[in-house]
Amino acid sequence: MVDVNGRWALVTGAARGIGRLAAEFLAQRGCNIIVHSSTAEGSQKTAKQLEKLGVKTLAVGAEFTDISSVDKMLEDIDKAGMRVDIVLNNAGKQVAYRNDYYKTPVSDYTDSFLINTIAPMKICYHFIPKMIAFGFGRVVNTTSGIRLEPEQAGYSASKAALDKVTIDIGSKLNGSDVMINLTDPGWCRTDLGGPHAPNSPESALPGVVVGAFADDKRSGRFFNAGLFYDMTLEKAVNKANSMPAPY
């Protein structure tokens, strides 16, 4: 199992919900956290709370519909000088639910792909080459299990695209100590999932972070958080390590 103590992790969408819980989970194990939300000011509160756990933090901001904002965030992280070993691409958005889905506007697709596919992949493309040079890295991209719901076409299509690119990149990394995998937190009571979702955000742990701790050098897998519910981290990692890559 990977020891994250003293490492740096970028957690996107970390100001609230599952992202914040994931950041806390890592920080409790000594991992320093780069806290992302749409604005650096919005990240500061979470960053200060994480510092009470004895770790270092950096608060950054980027609006994922604005790729120049993502580029600026990555530039700010590089200037700060830390080595980023772990990326949890948690941030995402369900832009709309269309009962009359035959009238789905183009903006549902363009906004969804910017937030849920393009921005997280920009982050992957930025950090994975550095991880390869270091000889270590973990990337976990958050996806969704939504199927057969044209009411959420933009969201589900953008997550399917993220799945595809993640698995394809994983085929190139498989067998190395730079690993990229997918996780699905399930339908949780968050700002995205809404108040009527059946699962608490806490139920997504440790499943949404297990890919950061797995150490079997296999990439491209899908870690459904529900499969790891109520497990210790050690048991969750053992389970994750037993799951084959799709190659």
C-alpha atoms as a PDB file:
ATOM      1  CA  MET A   1       0.000   0.000   0.000  1.00  0.00           C
ATOM      2  CA  VAL A   2       1.301   3.451  -0.891  1.00  0.00           C
ATOM      3  CA  ASP A   3       2.430   5.628   2.005  1.00  0.00           C
ATOM      4  CA  VAL A   4       1.104   9.114   1.236  1.00  0.00           C
ATOM      5  CA  ASN A   5       2.764  10.784   4.226  1.00  0.00           C
ATOM      6  CA  GLY A   6       4.656  13.862   3.039  1.00  0.00           C
ATOM      7  CA  ARG A   7       3.457  13.598  -0.548  1.00  0.00           C
ATOM      8  CA  TRP A   8       1.414  16.264  -2.344  1.00  0.00           C
ATOM      9  CA  ALA A   9      -2.029  15.600  -3.808  1.00  0.00           C
ATOM     10  CA  LEU A  10      -4.169  17.838  -5.989  1.00  0.00           C
ATOM     11  CA  VAL A  11      -7.841  17.308  -5.184  1.00  0.00           C
ATOM     12  CA  THR A  12     -10.248  19.118  -7.478  1.00  0.00           C
ATOM     13  CA  GLY A  13     -13.660  20.116  -6.194  1.00  0.00           C
ATOM     14  CA  ALA A  14     -12.258  19.877  -2.672  1.00  0.00           C
ATOM     15  CA  ALA A  15     -14.159  22.738  -1.051  1.00  0.00           C
ATOM     16  CA  ARG A  16     -17.195  20.590  -0.305  1.00  0.00           C
ATOM     17  CA  GLY A  17     -18.826  17.209  -0.699  1.00  0.00           C
ATOM     18  CA  ILE A  18     -16.920  14.099  -1.666  1.00  0.00           C
ATOM     19  CA  GLY A  19     -13.864  16.095  -2.736  1.00  0.00           C
ATOM     20  CA  ARG A  20     -13.550  17.629   0.688  1.00  0.00           C
ATOM     21  CA  LEU A  21     -13.975  14.249   2.382  1.00  0.00           C
ATOM     22  CA  ALA A  22     -11.331  12.746   0.084  1.00  0.00           C
ATOM     23  CA  ALA A  23      -8.927  15.584   0.880  1.00  0.00           C
ATOM     24  CA  GLU A  24      -9.495  15.060   4.597  1.00  0.00           C
ATOM     25  CA  PHE A  25      -8.941  11.304   4.206  1.00  0.00           C
ATOM     26  CA  LEU A  26      -5.562  11.915   2.592  1.00  0.00           C
ATOM     27  CA  ALA A  27      -4.594  14.654   5.047  1.00  0.00           C
ATOM     28  CA  GLN A  28      -5.362  12.387   7.997  1.00  0.00           C
ATOM     29  CA  ARG A  29      -2.647  10.121   6.610  1.00  0.00           C
ATOM     30  CA  GLY A  30      -0.110  12.928   6.334  1.00  0.00           C
ATOM     31  CA  CYS A  31      -0.628  13.906   2.703  1.00  0.00           C
ATOM     32  CA  ASN A  32      -0.207  17.572   1.820  1.00  0.00           C
ATOM     33  CA  ILE A  33      -3.145  18.900  -0.181  1.00  0.00           C
ATOM     34  CA  ILE A  34      -3.580  21.301  -3.076  1.00  0.00           C
ATOM     35  CA  VAL A  35      -7.192  22.334  -2.598  1.00  0.00           C
ATOM     36  CA  HIS A  36      -9.075  23.299  -5.750  1.00  0.00           C
ATOM     37  CA  SER A  37     -12.448  24.941  -6.143  1.00  0.00           C
ATOM     38  CA  SER A  38     -13.752  27.454  -8.664  1.00  0.00           C
ATOM     39  CA  THR A  39     -11.875  30.254  -6.853  1.00  0.00           C
ATOM     40  CA  ALA A  40      -8.781  30.293  -4.650  1.00  0.00           C
ATOM     41  CA  GLU A  41     -10.777  32.204  -2.056  1.00  0.00           C
ATOM     42  CA  GLY A  42     -13.319  29.399  -1.991  1.00  0.00           C
ATOM     43  CA  SER A  43     -10.526  26.886  -1.377  1.00  0.00           C
ATOM     44  CA  GLN A  44      -9.015  28.772   1.554  1.00  0.00           C
ATOM     45  CA  LYS A  45     -11.506  27.660   4.203  1.00  0.00           C
ATOM     46  CA  THR A  46     -10.963  23.981   3.469  1.00  0.00           C
ATOM     47  CA  ALA A  47      -7.207  24.494   3.237  1.00  0.00           C
ATOM     48  CA  LYS A  48      -7.089  26.088   6.687  1.00  0.00           C
ATOM     49  CA  GLN A  49      -9.118  23.258   8.194  1.00  0.00           C
ATOM     50  CA  LEU A  50      -6.819  20.660   6.652  1.00  0.00           C
ATOM     51  CA  GLU A  51      -3.794  22.435   8.094  1.00  0.00           C
ATOM     52  CA  LYS A  52      -5.174  21.655  11.556  1.00  0.00           C
ATOM     53  CA  LEU A  53      -4.397  18.015  10.733  1.00  0.00           C
ATOM     54  CA  GLY A  54      -0.704  18.924  10.541  1.00  0.00           C
ATOM     55  CA  VAL A  55      -0.269  19.014   6.773  1.00  0.00           C
ATOM     56  CA  LYS A  56       0.725  21.712   4.311  1.00  0.00           C
ATOM     57  CA  THR A  57      -1.797  23.092   1.850  1.00  0.00           C
ATOM     58  CA  LEU A  58      -2.055  25.268  -1.210  1.00  0.00           C
ATOM     59  CA  ALA A  59      -5.380  26.868  -2.156  1.00  0.00           C
ATOM     60  CA  VAL A  60      -5.972  27.266  -5.889  1.00  0.00           C
ATOM     61  CA  GLY A  61      -8.902  28.159  -8.066  1.00  0.00           C
ATOM     62  CA  ALA A  62     -10.044  27.461 -11.607  1.00  0.00           C
ATOM     63  CA  GLU A  63     -13.386  27.673 -13.337  1.00  0.00           C
ATOM     64  CA  PHE A  64     -13.454  24.556 -15.506  1.00  0.00           C
ATOM     65  CA  THR A  65     -15.611  26.092 -18.234  1.00  0.00           C
ATOM     66  CA  ASP A  66     -12.691  28.488 -18.836  1.00  0.00           C
ATOM     67  CA  ILE A  67      -9.640  26.504 -19.975  1.00  0.00           C
ATOM     68  CA  SER A  68      -7.403  29.556 -19.606  1.00  0.00           C
ATOM     69  CA  SER A  69      -8.350  29.484 -15.920  1.00  0.00           C
ATOM     70  CA  VAL A  70      -7.241  25.837 -15.728  1.00  0.00           C
ATOM     71  CA  ASP A  71      -3.943  26.751 -17.413  1.00  0.00           C
ATOM     72  CA  LYS A  72      -3.399  29.544 -14.880  1.00  0.00           C
ATOM     73  CA  MET A  73      -4.067  27.139 -11.994  1.00  0.00           C
ATOM     74  CA  LEU A  74      -1.512  24.672 -13.334  1.00  0.00           C
ATOM     75  CA  GLU A  75       0.993  27.496 -13.755  1.00  0.00           C
ATOM     76  CA  ASP A  76       0.406  28.589 -10.154  1.00  0.00           C
ATOM     77  CA  ILE A  77       0.988  25.040  -8.899  1.00  0.00           C
ATOM     78  CA  ASP A  78       4.215  24.765 -10.882  1.00  0.00           C
ATOM     79  CA  LYS A  79       5.421  28.094  -9.490  1.00  0.00           C
ATOM     80  CA  ALA A  80       4.735  26.902  -5.941  1.00  0.00           C
ATOM     81  CA  GLY A  81       7.404  24.267  -6.525  1.00  0.00           C
ATOM     82  CA  MET A  82       5.953  21.129  -4.990  1.00  0.00           C
ATOM     83  CA  ARG A  83       6.079  17.713  -6.637  1.00  0.00           C
ATOM     84  CA  VAL A  84       2.535  16.488  -7.247  1.00  0.00           C
ATOM     85  CA  ASP A  85       2.380  12.710  -6.778  1.00  0.00           C
ATOM     86  CA  ILE A  86      -1.386  12.245  -6.606  1.00  0.00           C
ATOM     87  CA  VAL A  87      -4.257  13.762  -8.574  1.00  0.00           C
ATOM     88  CA  LEU A  88      -7.880  13.182  -7.644  1.00  0.00           C
ATOM     89  CA  ASN A  89      -9.951  14.625 -10.481  1.00  0.00           C
ATOM     90  CA  ASN A  90     -13.100  14.796  -8.402  1.00  0.00           C
ATOM     91  CA  ALA A  91     -14.692  18.036  -9.654  1.00  0.00           C
ATOM     92  CA  GLY A  92     -17.666  17.594 -11.949  1.00  0.00           C
ATOM     93  CA  LYS A  93     -21.037  19.044 -12.791  1.00  0.00           C
ATOM     94  CA  GLN A  94     -24.408  17.762 -13.903  1.00  0.00           C
ATOM     95  CA  VAL A  95     -25.534  20.787 -15.873  1.00  0.00           C
ATOM     96  CA  ALA A  96     -29.213  19.895 -16.371  1.00  0.00           C
ATOM     97  CA  TYR A  97     -31.905  17.230 -16.243  1.00  0.00           C
ATOM     98  CA  ARG A  98     -34.070  17.424 -19.366  1.00  0.00           C
ATOM     99  CA  ASN A  99     -37.464  15.741 -19.229  1.00  0.00           C
ATOM    100  CA  ASP A 100     -37.949  16.814 -22.838  1.00  0.00           C
ATOM    101  CA  TYR A 101     -34.568  15.422 -23.837  1.00  0.00           C
ATOM    102  CA  TYR A 102     -35.215  15.828 -27.569  1.00  0.00           C
ATOM    103  CA  LYS A 103     -34.763  19.534 -26.917  1.00  0.00           C
ATOM    104  CA  THR A 104     -31.386  19.146 -25.192  1.00  0.00           C
ATOM    105  CA  PRO A 105     -29.416  22.306 -26.060  1.00  0.00           C
ATOM    106  CA  VAL A 106     -25.887  22.256 -27.423  1.00  0.00           C
ATOM    107  CA  SER A 107     -24.677  24.044 -24.289  1.00  0.00           C
ATOM    108  CA  ASP A 108     -25.448  20.944 -22.205  1.00  0.00           C
ATOM    109  CA  TYR A 109     -22.764  19.145 -24.191  1.00  0.00           C
ATOM    110  CA  THR A 110     -20.213  21.938 -24.492  1.00  0.00           C
ATOM    111  CA  ASP A 111     -20.343  22.860 -20.803  1.00  0.00           C
ATOM    112  CA  SER A 112     -20.382  19.226 -19.679  1.00  0.00           C
ATOM    113  CA  PHE A 113     -17.390  18.279 -21.797  1.00  0.00           C
ATOM    114  CA  LEU A 114     -15.378  21.294 -20.645  1.00  0.00           C
ATOM    115  CA  ILE A 115     -16.003  20.537 -16.971  1.00  0.00           C
ATOM    116  CA  ASN A 116     -16.119  16.755 -16.906  1.00  0.00           C
ATOM    117  CA  THR A 117     -13.726  15.742 -19.684  1.00  0.00           C
ATOM    118  CA  ILE A 118     -11.484  18.475 -21.051  1.00  0.00           C
ATOM    119  CA  ALA A 119     -10.437  20.172 -17.799  1.00  0.00           C
ATOM    120  CA  PRO A 120      -9.581  16.929 -15.966  1.00  0.00           C
ATOM    121  CA  MET A 121      -7.680  15.657 -18.998  1.00  0.00           C
ATOM    122  CA  LYS A 122      -5.732  18.932 -19.207  1.00  0.00           C
ATOM    123  CA  ILE A 123      -4.697  18.232 -15.626  1.00  0.00           C
ATOM    124  CA  CYS A 124      -3.729  14.655 -16.540  1.00  0.00           C
ATOM    125  CA  TYR A 125      -1.690  15.798 -19.534  1.00  0.00           C
ATOM    126  CA  HIS A 126       0.105  18.323 -17.353  1.00  0.00           C
ATOM    127  CA  PHE A 127       1.071  16.071 -14.460  1.00  0.00           C
ATOM    128  CA  ILE A 128       1.435  12.558 -15.884  1.00  0.00           C
ATOM    129  CA  PRO A 129       4.642  13.306 -17.855  1.00  0.00           C
ATOM    130  CA  LYS A 130       6.125  14.754 -14.661  1.00  0.00           C
ATOM    131  CA  MET A 131       5.065  11.635 -12.763  1.00  0.00           C
ATOM    132  CA  ILE A 132       6.717   9.455 -15.399  1.00  0.00           C
ATOM    133  CA  ALA A 133       9.926  11.442 -14.968  1.00  0.00           C
ATOM    134  CA  PHE A 134       9.700  11.026 -11.169  1.00  0.00           C
ATOM    135  CA  GLY A 135       8.928   7.314 -11.522  1.00  0.00           C
ATOM    136  CA  PHE A 136       5.788   7.524  -9.401  1.00  0.00           C
ATOM    137  CA  GLY A 137       2.268   8.888  -9.637  1.00  0.00           C
ATOM    138  CA  ARG A 138      -1.386   8.156  -9.000  1.00  0.00           C
ATOM    139  CA  VAL A 139      -4.327   9.660 -10.896  1.00  0.00           C
ATOM    140  CA  VAL A 140      -7.937   8.867 -10.046  1.00  0.00           C
ATOM    141  CA  ASN A 141     -10.599  10.246 -12.386  1.00  0.00           C
ATOM    142  CA  THR A 142     -14.142  10.375 -11.043  1.00  0.00           C
ATOM    143  CA  THR A 143     -16.758   9.006 -13.405  1.00  0.00           C
ATOM    144  CA  SER A 144     -20.444   8.125 -13.179  1.00  0.00           C
ATOM    145  CA  GLY A 145     -22.479   4.976 -13.456  1.00  0.00           C
ATOM    146  CA  ILE A 146     -25.415   6.743 -15.127  1.00  0.00           C
ATOM    147  CA  ARG A 147     -26.764   4.694 -18.012  1.00  0.00           C
ATOM    148  CA  LEU A 148     -29.877   4.780 -20.219  1.00  0.00           C
ATOM    149  CA  GLU A 149     -30.846   8.314 -19.170  1.00  0.00           C
ATOM    150  CA  PRO A 150     -31.028  10.659 -22.151  1.00  0.00           C
ATOM    151  CA  GLU A 151     -32.376  13.195 -19.667  1.00  0.00           C
ATOM    152  CA  GLN A 152     -28.741  13.654 -18.582  1.00  0.00           C
ATOM    153  CA  ALA A 153     -27.131  13.299 -21.992  1.00  0.00           C
ATOM    154  CA  GLY A 154     -24.443  15.968 -21.636  1.00  0.00           C
ATOM    155  CA  TYR A 155     -23.291  14.698 -18.273  1.00  0.00           C
ATOM    156  CA  SER A 156     -23.322  11.000 -19.097  1.00  0.00           C
ATOM    157  CA  ALA A 157     -21.628  11.486 -22.469  1.00  0.00           C
ATOM    158  CA  SER A 158     -18.872  13.615 -20.964  1.00  0.00           C
ATOM    159  CA  LYS A 159     -18.209  10.999 -18.288  1.00  0.00           C
ATOM    160  CA  ALA A 160     -18.188   8.232 -20.893  1.00  0.00           C
ATOM    161  CA  ALA A 161     -15.565  10.217 -22.797  1.00  0.00           C
ATOM    162  CA  LEU A 162     -13.501  10.572 -19.632  1.00  0.00           C
ATOM    163  CA  ASP A 163     -13.730   6.799 -19.140  1.00  0.00           C
ATOM    164  CA  LYS A 164     -12.500   6.172 -22.677  1.00  0.00           C
ATOM    165  CA  VAL A 165      -9.475   8.458 -22.493  1.00  0.00           C
ATOM    166  CA  THR A 166      -8.546   7.251 -19.005  1.00  0.00           C
ATOM    167  CA  ILE A 167      -8.599   3.613 -20.080  1.00  0.00           C
ATOM    168  CA  ASP A 168      -6.637   4.393 -23.236  1.00  0.00           C
ATOM    169  CA  ILE A 169      -3.924   6.271 -21.318  1.00  0.00           C
ATOM    170  CA  GLY A 170      -3.918   3.487 -18.765  1.00  0.00           C
ATOM    171  CA  SER A 171      -2.932   1.037 -21.492  1.00  0.00           C
ATOM    172  CA  LYS A 172       0.293   3.015 -21.969  1.00  0.00           C
ATOM    173  CA  LEU A 173       1.020   3.235 -18.231  1.00  0.00           C
ATOM    174  CA  ASN A 174       0.079  -0.325 -17.309  1.00  0.00           C
ATOM    175  CA  GLY A 175       2.974  -2.071 -15.566  1.00  0.00           C
ATOM    176  CA  SER A 176       4.579   1.164 -14.395  1.00  0.00           C
ATOM    177  CA  ASP A 177       4.425   2.891 -11.020  1.00  0.00           C
ATOM    178  CA  VAL A 178       2.424   5.715 -12.583  1.00  0.00           C
ATOM    179  CA  MET A 179      -1.164   4.543 -12.342  1.00  0.00           C
ATOM    180  CA  ILE A 180      -4.400   6.023 -13.642  1.00  0.00           C
ATOM    181  CA  ASN A 181      -7.779   4.569 -12.726  1.00  0.00           C
ATOM    182  CA  LEU A 182     -11.455   5.500 -12.494  1.00  0.00           C
ATOM    183  CA  THR A 183     -13.818   5.681  -9.554  1.00  0.00           C
ATOM    184  CA  ASP A 184     -17.566   6.065  -9.289  1.00  0.00           C
ATOM    185  CA  PRO A 185     -18.718   7.407  -5.896  1.00  0.00           C
ATOM    186  CA  GLY A 186     -22.310   6.357  -6.521  1.00  0.00           C
ATOM    187  CA  TRP A 187     -25.401   8.508  -6.134  1.00  0.00           C
ATOM    188  CA  CYS A 188     -24.665  10.560  -3.035  1.00  0.00           C
ATOM    189  CA  ARG A 189     -26.347  13.455  -1.277  1.00  0.00           C
ATOM    190  CA  THR A 190     -24.082  16.214  -2.566  1.00  0.00           C
ATOM    191  CA  ASP A 191     -24.662  19.417  -4.514  1.00  0.00           C
ATOM    192  CA  LEU A 192     -24.408  17.311  -7.666  1.00  0.00           C
ATOM    193  CA  GLY A 193     -26.422  14.318  -6.467  1.00  0.00           C
ATOM    194  CA  GLY A 194     -29.135  16.323  -4.750  1.00  0.00           C
ATOM    195  CA  PRO A 195     -30.864  15.894  -1.380  1.00  0.00           C
ATOM    196  CA  HIS A 196     -32.851  12.792  -2.354  1.00  0.00           C
ATOM    197  CA  ALA A 197     -29.899  10.603  -3.304  1.00  0.00           C
ATOM    198  CA  PRO A 198     -29.853   7.285  -1.390  1.00  0.00           C
ATOM    199  CA  ASN A 199     -26.240   7.417  -0.189  1.00  0.00           C
ATOM    200  CA  SER A 200     -24.348   9.695   2.164  1.00  0.00           C
ATOM    201  CA  PRO A 201     -21.132  11.286   0.870  1.00  0.00           C
ATOM    202  CA  GLU A 202     -19.231   9.325   3.511  1.00  0.00           C
ATOM    203  CA  SER A 203     -20.286   6.073   1.838  1.00  0.00           C
ATOM    204  CA  ALA A 204     -17.946   6.896  -1.054  1.00  0.00           C
ATOM    205  CA  LEU A 205     -14.911   6.361   1.174  1.00  0.00           C
ATOM    206  CA  PRO A 206     -12.511   4.668   0.921  1.00  0.00           C
ATOM    207  CA  GLY A 207     -13.561   3.737  -2.617  1.00  0.00           C
ATOM    208  CA  VAL A 208     -13.000   7.148  -4.196  1.00  0.00           C
ATOM    209  CA  VAL A 209      -9.424   7.306  -2.912  1.00  0.00           C
ATOM    210  CA  VAL A 210      -8.360   3.656  -3.085  1.00  0.00           C
ATOM    211  CA  GLY A 211      -6.665   4.258  -6.429  1.00  0.00           C
ATOM    212  CA  ALA A 212      -4.229   6.610  -4.711  1.00  0.00           C
ATOM    213  CA  PHE A 213      -3.085   3.808  -2.407  1.00  0.00           C
ATOM    214  CA  ALA A 214      -3.113   0.840  -4.799  1.00  0.00           C
ATOM    215  CA  ASP A 215       0.388  -0.399  -5.608  1.00  0.00           C
ATOM    216  CA  ASP A 216       0.076  -3.217  -8.142  1.00  0.00           C
ATOM    217  CA  LYS A 217       1.108  -1.135 -11.190  1.00  0.00           C
ATOM    218  CA  ARG A 218      -2.143  -1.741 -13.079  1.00  0.00           C
ATOM    219  CA  SER A 219      -4.101   1.023 -14.731  1.00  0.00           C
ATOM    220  CA  GLY A 220      -7.385   1.572 -16.502  1.00  0.00           C
ATOM    221  CA  ARG A 221      -9.611  -0.025 -13.875  1.00  0.00           C
ATOM    222  CA  PHE A 222     -13.008   1.031 -12.607  1.00  0.00           C
ATOM    223  CA  PHE A 223     -13.290   1.222  -8.825  1.00  0.00           C
ATOM    224  CA  ASN A 224     -16.968   1.350  -7.900  1.00  0.00           C
ATOM    225  CA  ALA A 225     -16.947   2.975  -4.456  1.00  0.00           C
ATOM    226  CA  GLY A 226     -19.873   0.844  -3.332  1.00  0.00           C
ATOM    227  CA  LEU A 227     -17.691  -2.264  -3.532  1.00  0.00           C
ATOM    228  CA  PHE A 228     -15.409  -0.843  -0.850  1.00  0.00           C
ATOM    229  CA  TYR A 229     -18.040   0.550   1.502  1.00  0.00           C
ATOM    230  CA  ASP A 230     -17.250   0.188   5.225  1.00  0.00           C
ATOM    231  CA  MET A 231     -13.875  -1.462   4.531  1.00  0.00           C
ATOM    232  CA  THR A 232     -10.653  -0.526   6.217  1.00  0.00           C
ATOM    233  CA  LEU A 233      -8.197   1.116   3.854  1.00  0.00           C
ATOM    234  CA  GLU A 234      -5.972  -1.955   4.001  1.00  0.00           C
ATOM    235  CA  LYS A 235      -8.790  -4.289   2.949  1.00  0.00           C
ATOM    236  CA  ALA A 236      -9.892  -1.859   0.254  1.00  0.00           C
ATOM    237  CA  VAL A 237      -6.384  -1.710  -1.222  1.00  0.00           C
ATOM    238  CA  ASN A 238      -6.110  -5.493  -1.195  1.00  0.00           C
ATOM    239  CA  LYS A 239      -9.418  -5.696  -3.042  1.00  0.00           C
ATOM    240  CA  ALA A 240      -8.358  -3.032  -5.533  1.00  0.00           C
ATOM    241  CA  ASN A 241      -5.079  -4.842  -6.169  1.00  0.00           C
ATOM    242  CA  SER A 242      -7.026  -8.013  -6.962  1.00  0.00           C
ATOM    243  CA  MET A 243      -9.018  -6.327  -9.716  1.00  0.00           C
ATOM    244  CA  PRO A 244      -7.506  -6.855 -13.175  1.00  0.00           C
ATOM    245  CA  ALA A 245      -6.795  -4.162 -15.713  1.00  0.00           C
ATOM    246  CA  PRO A 246      -8.925  -4.320 -18.884  1.00  0.00           C
ATOM    247  CA  TYR A 247      -6.019  -5.167 -21.192  1.00  0.00           C
END
